[in-house]
Amino acid sequence: MGADIVDDQRYLESYRSAIPGLWVHGDFAMRDEHGLCYILCRSDDTLKVSGKRTGPSEVEGLLMAPGKVSEVAVIGVPGPI
């Protein structure tokens, strides 16, 4: 099989077959009372810190815990190691 066909199959298996008739894209989202949509985080986004896997929401929770920050966003950025 060609690489394009394998990639297409992997895409269909990952995003189109988890829940029949629904595109599962991997983002956690919400809709507010006005109908606006907000992307909250990637469901499969993981940071690897000192060999341990940590999700961005765990880091965000730690930053928000003292109550001195009103909003926070955490993303993974590849490092040199």
N, C-alpha and C. Protein backbone atom coordinates (compact mmCIF):
# COMPACT_ATOMS: atom_id res chain seq x y z
N MET A 1 0.83 -1.18 0.00
CA MET A 1 0.00 0.00 0.00
C MET A 1 0.87 1.24 0.00
N GLY A 2 0.37 2.28 -0.66
CA GLY A 2 1.10 3.54 -0.66
C GLY A 2 0.94 4.25 0.66
N ALA A 3 1.87 5.16 0.94
CA ALA A 3 1.85 5.90 2.21
C ALA A 3 0.57 6.72 2.35
N ASP A 4 0.08 7.28 1.23
CA ASP A 4 -1.15 8.08 1.30
C ASP A 4 -2.34 7.24 1.73
N ILE A 5 -2.43 6.03 1.23
CA ILE A 5 -3.55 5.14 1.58
C ILE A 5 -3.46 4.74 3.05
N VAL A 6 -2.26 4.45 3.52
CA VAL A 6 -2.07 4.08 4.93
C VAL A 6 -2.43 5.27 5.81
N ASP A 7 -1.99 6.49 5.45
CA ASP A 7 -2.33 7.69 6.21
C ASP A 7 -3.83 7.93 6.22
N ASP A 8 -4.48 7.73 5.08
CA ASP A 8 -5.94 7.90 5.00
C ASP A 8 -6.64 6.90 5.92
N GLN A 9 -6.19 5.67 5.92
CA GLN A 9 -6.80 4.65 6.78
C GLN A 9 -6.59 4.97 8.25
N ARG A 10 -5.39 5.41 8.59
CA ARG A 10 -5.10 5.76 9.99
C ARG A 10 -5.97 6.94 10.43
N TYR A 11 -6.14 7.91 9.54
CA TYR A 11 -7.00 9.07 9.84
C TYR A 11 -8.43 8.60 10.11
N LEU A 12 -8.95 7.77 9.21
CA LEU A 12 -10.32 7.28 9.37
C LEU A 12 -10.48 6.48 10.66
N GLU A 13 -9.52 5.62 10.97
CA GLU A 13 -9.58 4.83 12.20
C GLU A 13 -9.49 5.71 13.45
N SER A 14 -8.64 6.73 13.40
CA SER A 14 -8.42 7.57 14.57
C SER A 14 -9.55 8.55 14.82
N TYR A 15 -10.08 9.17 13.75
CA TYR A 15 -11.00 10.27 13.94
C TYR A 15 -12.44 9.99 13.52
N ARG A 16 -12.66 8.98 12.68
CA ARG A 16 -14.00 8.76 12.16
C ARG A 16 -14.66 7.48 12.63
N SER A 17 -13.94 6.57 13.27
CA SER A 17 -14.57 5.30 13.64
C SER A 17 -14.78 5.15 15.15
N ALA A 18 -14.26 6.05 15.96
CA ALA A 18 -14.41 5.93 17.41
C ALA A 18 -15.89 5.99 17.82
N ILE A 19 -16.63 6.94 17.24
CA ILE A 19 -18.06 7.09 17.49
C ILE A 19 -18.72 7.20 16.12
N PRO A 20 -19.48 6.21 15.70
CA PRO A 20 -20.08 6.22 14.35
C PRO A 20 -20.87 7.51 14.08
N GLY A 21 -20.58 8.11 12.92
CA GLY A 21 -21.28 9.32 12.50
C GLY A 21 -20.78 10.60 13.13
N LEU A 22 -19.71 10.52 13.93
CA LEU A 22 -19.18 11.70 14.60
C LEU A 22 -17.68 11.80 14.36
N TRP A 23 -17.23 13.00 14.06
CA TRP A 23 -15.79 13.26 13.88
C TRP A 23 -15.21 13.54 15.26
N VAL A 24 -14.34 12.67 15.74
CA VAL A 24 -13.68 12.83 17.04
C VAL A 24 -12.29 13.41 16.77
N HIS A 25 -12.14 14.70 17.04
CA HIS A 25 -10.93 15.42 16.64
C HIS A 25 -9.88 15.53 17.70
N GLY A 26 -10.17 15.19 18.95
CA GLY A 26 -9.16 15.20 20.00
C GLY A 26 -9.11 16.45 20.83
N ASP A 27 -9.99 17.42 20.57
CA ASP A 27 -10.04 18.63 21.38
C ASP A 27 -11.17 18.54 22.39
N PHE A 28 -10.94 19.10 23.57
CA PHE A 28 -12.03 19.29 24.52
C PHE A 28 -12.58 20.68 24.26
N ALA A 29 -13.88 20.79 24.06
CA ALA A 29 -14.49 22.07 23.73
C ALA A 29 -15.77 22.24 24.54
N MET A 30 -16.22 23.48 24.63
CA MET A 30 -17.50 23.76 25.29
C MET A 30 -18.23 24.84 24.51
N ARG A 31 -19.52 24.88 24.69
CA ARG A 31 -20.35 25.93 24.10
C ARG A 31 -21.01 26.67 25.25
N ASP A 32 -20.93 28.02 25.24
CA ASP A 32 -21.51 28.78 26.35
C ASP A 32 -22.99 29.08 26.09
N GLU A 33 -23.58 29.82 27.00
CA GLU A 33 -25.02 30.10 26.92
C GLU A 33 -25.41 30.94 25.71
N HIS A 34 -24.42 31.60 25.07
CA HIS A 34 -24.67 32.40 23.88
C HIS A 34 -24.41 31.62 22.59
N GLY A 35 -24.01 30.37 22.73
CA GLY A 35 -23.74 29.54 21.57
C GLY A 35 -22.31 29.64 21.06
N LEU A 36 -21.45 30.38 21.76
CA LEU A 36 -20.05 30.49 21.35
C LEU A 36 -19.30 29.24 21.76
N CYS A 37 -18.39 28.79 20.90
CA CYS A 37 -17.59 27.59 21.18
C CYS A 37 -16.20 27.97 21.64
N TYR A 38 -15.67 27.24 22.61
CA TYR A 38 -14.33 27.47 23.13
C TYR A 38 -13.56 26.15 23.09
N ILE A 39 -12.38 26.18 22.51
CA ILE A 39 -11.48 25.03 22.53
C ILE A 39 -10.71 25.13 23.85
N LEU A 40 -10.85 24.13 24.70
CA LEU A 40 -10.23 24.18 26.03
C LEU A 40 -8.84 23.55 26.05
N CYS A 41 -8.69 22.41 25.40
CA CYS A 41 -7.37 21.77 25.37
C CYS A 41 -7.42 20.56 24.46
N ARG A 42 -6.27 20.03 24.17
CA ARG A 42 -6.18 18.78 23.41
C ARG A 42 -6.36 17.64 24.39
N SER A 43 -7.17 16.69 24.01
CA SER A 43 -7.37 15.55 24.90
C SER A 43 -6.17 14.61 24.91
N ASP A 44 -5.36 14.67 23.85
CA ASP A 44 -4.23 13.76 23.77
C ASP A 44 -2.88 14.47 23.91
N ASP A 45 -2.89 15.74 24.31
CA ASP A 45 -1.67 16.51 24.45
C ASP A 45 -0.98 16.13 25.75
N THR A 46 0.28 15.77 25.68
CA THR A 46 1.01 15.35 26.87
C THR A 46 2.39 15.98 26.87
N LEU A 47 2.80 16.48 28.02
CA LEU A 47 4.15 17.00 28.20
C LEU A 47 4.98 15.92 28.87
N LYS A 48 6.21 15.77 28.45
CA LYS A 48 7.10 14.80 29.08
C LYS A 48 8.14 15.59 29.86
N VAL A 49 8.01 15.54 31.19
CA VAL A 49 8.89 16.30 32.07
C VAL A 49 9.70 15.30 32.89
N SER A 50 11.01 15.33 32.73
CA SER A 50 11.91 14.42 33.45
C SER A 50 11.46 12.97 33.33
N GLY A 51 11.02 12.60 32.14
CA GLY A 51 10.61 11.22 31.88
C GLY A 51 9.21 10.88 32.36
N LYS A 52 8.51 11.85 32.94
CA LYS A 52 7.14 11.61 33.41
C LYS A 52 6.17 12.35 32.50
N ARG A 53 5.05 11.70 32.21
CA ARG A 53 4.06 12.29 31.33
C ARG A 53 3.06 13.11 32.15
N THR A 54 2.90 14.38 31.77
CA THR A 54 2.02 15.31 32.47
C THR A 54 1.13 16.01 31.46
N GLY A 55 -0.14 16.12 31.74
CA GLY A 55 -1.06 16.83 30.85
C GLY A 55 -1.06 18.32 31.13
N PRO A 56 -1.33 19.13 30.11
CA PRO A 56 -1.36 20.59 30.29
C PRO A 56 -2.36 21.04 31.36
N SER A 57 -3.49 20.33 31.48
CA SER A 57 -4.48 20.75 32.47
C SER A 57 -3.94 20.63 33.90
N GLU A 58 -3.05 19.67 34.13
CA GLU A 58 -2.43 19.55 35.47
C GLU A 58 -1.55 20.76 35.77
N VAL A 59 -0.79 21.20 34.78
CA VAL A 59 0.07 22.37 34.96
C VAL A 59 -0.80 23.63 35.12
N GLU A 60 -1.85 23.74 34.30
CA GLU A 60 -2.75 24.89 34.41
C GLU A 60 -3.38 24.94 35.80
N GLY A 61 -3.79 23.79 36.32
CA GLY A 61 -4.39 23.74 37.66
C GLY A 61 -3.45 24.25 38.73
N LEU A 62 -2.18 23.87 38.63
CA LEU A 62 -1.18 24.34 39.60
C LEU A 62 -0.99 25.86 39.52
N LEU A 63 -1.00 26.39 38.29
CA LEU A 63 -0.82 27.84 38.12
C LEU A 63 -2.03 28.62 38.62
N MET A 64 -3.22 28.05 38.47
CA MET A 64 -4.45 28.73 38.88
C MET A 64 -4.73 28.59 40.38
N ALA A 65 -4.17 27.58 41.03
CA ALA A 65 -4.49 27.26 42.42
C ALA A 65 -4.34 28.43 43.41
N PRO A 66 -3.28 29.24 43.33
CA PRO A 66 -3.15 30.33 44.31
C PRO A 66 -4.23 31.42 44.17
N GLY A 67 -4.96 31.44 43.04
CA GLY A 67 -6.00 32.44 42.85
C GLY A 67 -5.50 33.79 42.41
N LYS A 68 -4.26 33.88 41.97
CA LYS A 68 -3.69 35.16 41.56
C LYS A 68 -3.66 35.34 40.04
N VAL A 69 -4.11 34.32 39.31
CA VAL A 69 -4.11 34.36 37.85
C VAL A 69 -5.54 34.11 37.39
N SER A 70 -6.04 34.93 36.45
CA SER A 70 -7.42 34.76 36.01
C SER A 70 -7.55 33.80 34.83
N GLU A 71 -6.54 33.72 33.99
CA GLU A 71 -6.56 32.79 32.86
C GLU A 71 -5.15 32.27 32.62
N VAL A 72 -5.07 31.05 32.12
CA VAL A 72 -3.76 30.48 31.83
C VAL A 72 -3.90 29.48 30.68
N ALA A 73 -2.86 29.36 29.89
CA ALA A 73 -2.82 28.37 28.82
C ALA A 73 -1.44 27.72 28.84
N VAL A 74 -1.41 26.41 28.74
CA VAL A 74 -0.15 25.66 28.75
C VAL A 74 -0.09 24.84 27.48
N ILE A 75 1.03 24.90 26.79
CA ILE A 75 1.24 24.10 25.58
C ILE A 75 2.58 23.40 25.66
N GLY A 76 2.71 22.31 24.97
CA GLY A 76 3.99 21.62 24.91
C GLY A 76 4.85 22.18 23.79
N VAL A 77 6.10 22.45 24.08
CA VAL A 77 7.04 22.94 23.09
C VAL A 77 8.25 22.02 23.12
N PRO A 78 8.61 21.42 21.98
CA PRO A 78 9.76 20.51 21.97
C PRO A 78 11.04 21.21 22.44
N GLY A 79 11.78 20.52 23.27
CA GLY A 79 13.05 21.06 23.78
C GLY A 79 14.23 20.38 23.09
N PRO A 80 15.43 20.79 23.42
CA PRO A 80 16.63 20.24 22.75
C PRO A 80 16.95 18.81 23.16
N ILE A 81 16.41 18.33 24.28
CA ILE A 81 16.74 16.96 24.75
C ILE A 81 15.61 16.02 24.40
